[in-house]
Amino acid sequence: MKYITDLYKGKRLDTIYTINIDYGNKGDISQYLSLPVAAAKQNIPILICNENFSHNQERFIEKNVTEIIEVGQEVGKYSIWNTFKSASFIKAMILLVVIIIIIVRGMKIAI
């Protein structure tokens, strides 16, 4: 958000591209290789998102953008519920549980 704000300082953004990229999935990136060229020609910024907008992204869009062009999969609105049910959040929680189990087992062996 800071980069977009700094680059377009003092200008009203009428349009912004949004991309829904599942982090860790390299297959998604190939779909969007030509977008930076088109966005640069039109002088339109690209906002890279997960499945849903973050709170900061949602606020930025409400204040600065009049039209959103979604490229690829739709980016959902921000809400706490959407955050908890997103695939990224579930993957992070599973990883956290696995790390905690490994630490607890390591502490049992050390004792």
N, C-alpha and C. Protein backbone atom coordinates (compact mmCIF):
# COMPACT_ATOMS: atom_id res chain seq x y z
N MET A 1 0.82 -1.18 0.00
CA MET A 1 0.00 0.00 0.00
C MET A 1 0.88 1.26 0.00
N LYS A 2 1.96 1.22 0.76
CA LYS A 2 2.84 2.38 0.86
C LYS A 2 3.45 2.72 -0.49
N TYR A 3 3.84 1.71 -1.26
CA TYR A 3 4.44 1.96 -2.57
C TYR A 3 3.46 2.64 -3.52
N ILE A 4 2.24 2.16 -3.53
CA ILE A 4 1.23 2.77 -4.39
C ILE A 4 0.97 4.21 -3.96
N THR A 5 0.86 4.43 -2.66
CA THR A 5 0.61 5.76 -2.13
C THR A 5 1.76 6.70 -2.49
N ASP A 6 3.01 6.24 -2.35
CA ASP A 6 4.17 7.07 -2.67
C ASP A 6 4.27 7.38 -4.16
N LEU A 7 4.03 6.38 -5.01
CA LEU A 7 4.14 6.58 -6.45
C LEU A 7 3.04 7.48 -7.01
N TYR A 8 1.86 7.41 -6.44
CA TYR A 8 0.73 8.17 -6.95
C TYR A 8 0.34 9.30 -6.01
N LYS A 9 1.33 9.86 -5.32
CA LYS A 9 1.10 10.92 -4.33
C LYS A 9 0.40 12.12 -4.99
N GLY A 10 -0.67 12.55 -4.38
CA GLY A 10 -1.39 13.71 -4.87
C GLY A 10 -2.33 13.43 -6.04
N LYS A 11 -2.36 12.20 -6.53
CA LYS A 11 -3.22 11.86 -7.66
C LYS A 11 -4.37 10.99 -7.17
N ARG A 12 -5.52 11.20 -7.74
CA ARG A 12 -6.69 10.35 -7.44
C ARG A 12 -6.61 9.13 -8.35
N LEU A 13 -6.67 7.96 -7.78
CA LEU A 13 -6.64 6.73 -8.56
C LEU A 13 -8.06 6.37 -8.96
N ASP A 14 -8.34 6.44 -10.24
CA ASP A 14 -9.67 6.06 -10.69
C ASP A 14 -9.80 4.54 -10.76
N THR A 15 -8.72 3.87 -11.17
CA THR A 15 -8.77 2.44 -11.42
C THR A 15 -7.56 1.76 -10.79
N ILE A 16 -7.77 0.51 -10.38
CA ILE A 16 -6.68 -0.30 -9.85
C ILE A 16 -6.93 -1.75 -10.26
N TYR A 17 -5.85 -2.45 -10.60
CA TYR A 17 -5.95 -3.89 -10.88
C TYR A 17 -5.75 -4.65 -9.57
N THR A 18 -6.51 -5.70 -9.36
CA THR A 18 -6.28 -6.59 -8.22
C THR A 18 -6.00 -7.99 -8.73
N ILE A 19 -5.06 -8.65 -8.07
CA ILE A 19 -4.68 -10.02 -8.42
C ILE A 19 -4.82 -10.88 -7.17
N ASN A 20 -5.46 -12.01 -7.30
CA ASN A 20 -5.61 -12.97 -6.21
C ASN A 20 -4.55 -14.05 -6.41
N ILE A 21 -3.47 -13.98 -5.63
CA ILE A 21 -2.39 -14.96 -5.73
C ILE A 21 -2.33 -15.76 -4.44
N ASP A 22 -2.40 -17.06 -4.56
CA ASP A 22 -2.24 -17.96 -3.42
C ASP A 22 -0.75 -18.12 -3.20
N TYR A 23 -0.24 -17.52 -2.14
CA TYR A 23 1.20 -17.56 -1.88
C TYR A 23 1.67 -18.99 -1.73
N GLY A 24 2.81 -19.28 -2.35
CA GLY A 24 3.36 -20.63 -2.31
C GLY A 24 2.94 -21.46 -3.50
N ASN A 25 2.03 -20.96 -4.32
CA ASN A 25 1.57 -21.67 -5.50
C ASN A 25 2.16 -20.99 -6.73
N LYS A 26 3.26 -21.52 -7.24
CA LYS A 26 3.98 -20.89 -8.35
C LYS A 26 3.19 -20.95 -9.65
N GLY A 27 2.25 -21.86 -9.78
CA GLY A 27 1.46 -22.00 -10.99
C GLY A 27 0.60 -20.78 -11.28
N ASP A 28 0.16 -20.06 -10.24
CA ASP A 28 -0.69 -18.89 -10.43
C ASP A 28 0.04 -17.73 -11.11
N ILE A 29 1.31 -17.60 -10.85
CA ILE A 29 2.06 -16.44 -11.32
C ILE A 29 2.11 -16.37 -12.84
N SER A 30 2.17 -17.50 -13.50
CA SER A 30 2.27 -17.51 -14.96
C SER A 30 1.04 -16.88 -15.63
N GLN A 31 -0.09 -16.86 -14.95
CA GLN A 31 -1.31 -16.28 -15.50
C GLN A 31 -1.21 -14.76 -15.62
N TYR A 32 -0.34 -14.15 -14.83
CA TYR A 32 -0.33 -12.69 -14.71
C TYR A 32 0.93 -12.03 -15.29
N LEU A 33 1.70 -12.75 -16.09
CA LEU A 33 2.97 -12.21 -16.57
C LEU A 33 2.80 -10.99 -17.49
N SER A 34 1.74 -10.92 -18.25
CA SER A 34 1.56 -9.80 -19.16
C SER A 34 0.87 -8.59 -18.51
N LEU A 35 0.33 -8.76 -17.31
CA LEU A 35 -0.40 -7.66 -16.66
C LEU A 35 0.49 -6.45 -16.36
N PRO A 36 1.71 -6.60 -15.85
CA PRO A 36 2.51 -5.40 -15.57
C PRO A 36 2.74 -4.52 -16.79
N VAL A 37 2.89 -5.11 -17.96
CA VAL A 37 3.08 -4.32 -19.19
C VAL A 37 1.83 -3.50 -19.48
N ALA A 38 0.67 -4.13 -19.42
CA ALA A 38 -0.60 -3.43 -19.68
C ALA A 38 -0.84 -2.35 -18.63
N ALA A 39 -0.56 -2.66 -17.36
CA ALA A 39 -0.77 -1.69 -16.29
C ALA A 39 0.17 -0.50 -16.43
N ALA A 40 1.42 -0.74 -16.83
CA ALA A 40 2.37 0.36 -17.01
C ALA A 40 1.94 1.27 -18.16
N LYS A 41 1.44 0.70 -19.24
CA LYS A 41 0.98 1.51 -20.38
C LYS A 41 -0.19 2.41 -19.98
N GLN A 42 -1.06 1.89 -19.14
CA GLN A 42 -2.24 2.65 -18.72
C GLN A 42 -2.00 3.45 -17.45
N ASN A 43 -0.82 3.31 -16.85
CA ASN A 43 -0.47 3.98 -15.60
C ASN A 43 -1.46 3.64 -14.48
N ILE A 44 -1.76 2.33 -14.37
CA ILE A 44 -2.68 1.82 -13.35
C ILE A 44 -1.89 0.89 -12.42
N PRO A 45 -1.97 1.10 -11.10
CA PRO A 45 -1.24 0.22 -10.17
C PRO A 45 -1.88 -1.16 -10.06
N ILE A 46 -1.08 -2.11 -9.60
CA ILE A 46 -1.54 -3.49 -9.38
C ILE A 46 -1.49 -3.76 -7.88
N LEU A 47 -2.57 -4.24 -7.32
CA LEU A 47 -2.65 -4.60 -5.91
C LEU A 47 -2.70 -6.12 -5.81
N ILE A 48 -1.67 -6.71 -5.21
CA ILE A 48 -1.59 -8.17 -5.08
C ILE A 48 -2.23 -8.56 -3.75
N CYS A 49 -3.19 -9.49 -3.82
CA CYS A 49 -3.98 -9.87 -2.64
C CYS A 49 -3.99 -11.38 -2.46
N ASN A 50 -4.49 -11.79 -1.32
CA ASN A 50 -4.83 -13.20 -1.09
C ASN A 50 -6.27 -13.39 -1.52
N GLU A 51 -6.94 -14.33 -0.92
CA GLU A 51 -8.34 -14.60 -1.25
C GLU A 51 -9.25 -13.42 -0.93
N ASN A 52 -8.91 -12.66 0.12
CA ASN A 52 -9.71 -11.53 0.56
C ASN A 52 -8.81 -10.32 0.77
N PHE A 53 -9.40 -9.13 0.67
CA PHE A 53 -8.65 -7.92 0.97
C PHE A 53 -8.30 -7.90 2.45
N SER A 54 -7.15 -7.32 2.78
CA SER A 54 -6.84 -7.07 4.18
C SER A 54 -7.58 -5.81 4.61
N HIS A 55 -7.59 -5.54 5.90
CA HIS A 55 -8.27 -4.35 6.40
C HIS A 55 -7.66 -3.09 5.79
N ASN A 56 -6.32 -3.02 5.73
CA ASN A 56 -5.65 -1.85 5.16
C ASN A 56 -5.94 -1.69 3.67
N GLN A 57 -5.95 -2.79 2.94
CA GLN A 57 -6.28 -2.72 1.52
C GLN A 57 -7.70 -2.22 1.30
N GLU A 58 -8.62 -2.71 2.09
CA GLU A 58 -10.02 -2.30 1.98
C GLU A 58 -10.17 -0.80 2.24
N ARG A 59 -9.52 -0.31 3.29
CA ARG A 59 -9.57 1.13 3.61
C ARG A 59 -8.96 1.96 2.50
N PHE A 60 -7.81 1.52 1.96
CA PHE A 60 -7.14 2.23 0.88
C PHE A 60 -8.05 2.34 -0.34
N ILE A 61 -8.69 1.25 -0.70
CA ILE A 61 -9.57 1.23 -1.86
C ILE A 61 -10.77 2.14 -1.65
N GLU A 62 -11.36 2.10 -0.47
CA GLU A 62 -12.52 2.95 -0.19
C GLU A 62 -12.18 4.43 -0.30
N LYS A 63 -10.97 4.81 0.13
CA LYS A 63 -10.57 6.22 0.13
C LYS A 63 -10.06 6.70 -1.23
N ASN A 64 -9.42 5.82 -2.01
CA ASN A 64 -8.67 6.28 -3.17
C ASN A 64 -9.11 5.77 -4.53
N VAL A 65 -9.92 4.73 -4.59
CA VAL A 65 -10.18 4.07 -5.87
C VAL A 65 -11.68 4.10 -6.19
N THR A 66 -11.99 4.36 -7.47
CA THR A 66 -13.39 4.35 -7.88
C THR A 66 -13.76 3.08 -8.65
N GLU A 67 -12.78 2.45 -9.34
CA GLU A 67 -13.06 1.24 -10.12
C GLU A 67 -11.98 0.20 -9.87
N ILE A 68 -12.39 -1.04 -9.63
CA ILE A 68 -11.48 -2.16 -9.42
C ILE A 68 -11.62 -3.11 -10.60
N ILE A 69 -10.48 -3.43 -11.22
CA ILE A 69 -10.47 -4.43 -12.28
C ILE A 69 -9.83 -5.69 -11.70
N GLU A 70 -10.63 -6.73 -11.52
CA GLU A 70 -10.12 -7.98 -10.96
C GLU A 70 -9.58 -8.86 -12.08
N VAL A 71 -8.33 -9.25 -11.95
CA VAL A 71 -7.68 -10.10 -12.94
C VAL A 71 -7.57 -11.50 -12.33
N GLY A 72 -8.09 -12.49 -13.03
CA GLY A 72 -8.08 -13.86 -12.49
C GLY A 72 -9.23 -14.05 -11.53
N GLN A 73 -8.95 -14.72 -10.44
CA GLN A 73 -10.00 -15.03 -9.46
C GLN A 73 -10.42 -13.79 -8.68
N GLU A 74 -11.66 -13.80 -8.25
CA GLU A 74 -12.21 -12.68 -7.50
C GLU A 74 -11.55 -12.57 -6.13
N VAL A 75 -11.33 -11.33 -5.69
CA VAL A 75 -10.82 -11.05 -4.36
C VAL A 75 -12.00 -10.66 -3.50
N GLY A 76 -12.20 -11.36 -2.39
CA GLY A 76 -13.35 -11.11 -1.53
C GLY A 76 -13.17 -9.90 -0.63
N LYS A 77 -14.26 -9.41 -0.12
CA LYS A 77 -14.24 -8.28 0.80
C LYS A 77 -13.61 -8.69 2.13
N TYR A 78 -13.11 -7.70 2.86
CA TYR A 78 -12.50 -7.97 4.16
C TYR A 78 -13.57 -8.21 5.21
N SER A 79 -13.36 -9.23 6.00
CA SER A 79 -14.13 -9.45 7.23
C SER A 79 -13.33 -10.44 8.07
N ILE A 80 -13.53 -10.40 9.35
CA ILE A 80 -12.83 -11.32 10.24
C ILE A 80 -13.19 -12.76 9.87
N TRP A 81 -14.45 -13.01 9.58
CA TRP A 81 -14.89 -14.36 9.23
C TRP A 81 -14.19 -14.85 7.97
N ASN A 82 -14.08 -13.99 6.94
CA ASN A 82 -13.39 -14.38 5.71
C ASN A 82 -11.91 -14.67 5.97
N THR A 83 -11.31 -13.92 6.88
CA THR A 83 -9.92 -14.16 7.24
C THR A 83 -9.75 -15.54 7.87
N PHE A 84 -10.63 -15.90 8.79
CA PHE A 84 -10.52 -17.19 9.48
C PHE A 84 -10.80 -18.37 8.57
N LYS A 85 -11.65 -18.21 7.57
CA LYS A 85 -11.96 -19.34 6.71
C LYS A 85 -11.13 -19.38 5.43
N SER A 86 -10.18 -18.44 5.27
CA SER A 86 -9.34 -18.43 4.07
C SER A 86 -8.33 -19.58 4.11
N ALA A 87 -7.97 -20.06 2.95
CA ALA A 87 -7.02 -21.16 2.84
C ALA A 87 -5.66 -20.77 3.41
N SER A 88 -5.24 -19.54 3.22
CA SER A 88 -3.95 -19.08 3.74
C SER A 88 -3.92 -19.14 5.26
N PHE A 89 -4.99 -18.71 5.90
CA PHE A 89 -5.06 -18.73 7.36
C PHE A 89 -5.05 -20.17 7.88
N ILE A 90 -5.80 -21.05 7.24
CA ILE A 90 -5.86 -22.45 7.68
C ILE A 90 -4.50 -23.11 7.52
N LYS A 91 -3.80 -22.86 6.40
CA LYS A 91 -2.46 -23.41 6.21
C LYS A 91 -1.50 -22.91 7.29
N ALA A 92 -1.58 -21.62 7.61
CA ALA A 92 -0.71 -21.06 8.65
C ALA A 92 -0.99 -21.67 10.01
N MET A 93 -2.25 -21.90 10.34
CA MET A 93 -2.59 -22.50 11.63
C MET A 93 -2.12 -23.95 11.72
N ILE A 94 -2.25 -24.69 10.62
CA ILE A 94 -1.77 -26.08 10.61
C ILE A 94 -0.26 -26.10 10.81
N LEU A 95 0.46 -25.22 10.14
CA LEU A 95 1.91 -25.14 10.31
C LEU A 95 2.28 -24.77 11.73
N LEU A 96 1.55 -23.84 12.33
CA LEU A 96 1.80 -23.45 13.72
C LEU A 96 1.59 -24.63 14.68
N VAL A 97 0.54 -25.39 14.49
CA VAL A 97 0.27 -26.55 15.34
C VAL A 97 1.39 -27.59 15.20
N VAL A 98 1.84 -27.83 13.98
CA VAL A 98 2.93 -28.79 13.76
C VAL A 98 4.20 -28.32 14.46
N ILE A 99 4.52 -27.04 14.37
CA ILE A 99 5.71 -26.51 15.03
C ILE A 99 5.60 -26.65 16.54
N ILE A 100 4.45 -26.36 17.10
CA ILE A 100 4.25 -26.51 18.55
C ILE A 100 4.41 -27.97 18.97
N ILE A 101 3.86 -28.90 18.21
CA ILE A 101 4.01 -30.34 18.52
C ILE A 101 5.49 -30.73 18.51
N ILE A 102 6.23 -30.28 17.51
CA ILE A 102 7.66 -30.60 17.43
C ILE A 102 8.41 -30.03 18.61
N ILE A 103 8.11 -28.81 19.01
CA ILE A 103 8.79 -28.19 20.17
C ILE A 103 8.47 -28.95 21.45
N VAL A 104 7.19 -29.29 21.66
CA VAL A 104 6.80 -30.01 22.88
C VAL A 104 7.48 -31.37 22.94
N ARG A 105 7.51 -32.09 21.82
CA ARG A 105 8.17 -33.40 21.80
C ARG A 105 9.67 -33.26 22.05
N GLY A 106 10.27 -32.21 21.49
CA GLY A 106 11.70 -31.97 21.72
C GLY A 106 11.99 -31.67 23.17
N MET A 107 11.09 -30.94 23.84
CA MET A 107 11.28 -30.64 25.25
C MET A 107 11.13 -31.89 26.11
N LYS A 108 10.24 -32.81 25.74
CA LYS A 108 10.06 -34.06 26.48
C LYS A 108 11.30 -34.92 26.38
N ILE A 109 11.90 -34.96 25.20
CA ILE A 109 13.11 -35.77 25.01
C ILE A 109 14.26 -35.18 25.79
N ALA A 110 14.37 -33.84 25.85
CA ALA A 110 15.47 -33.20 26.54
C ALA A 110 15.37 -33.35 28.05
N ILE A 111 14.17 -33.53 28.55
CA ILE A 111 13.98 -33.66 30.01
C ILE A 111 14.23 -35.04 30.42
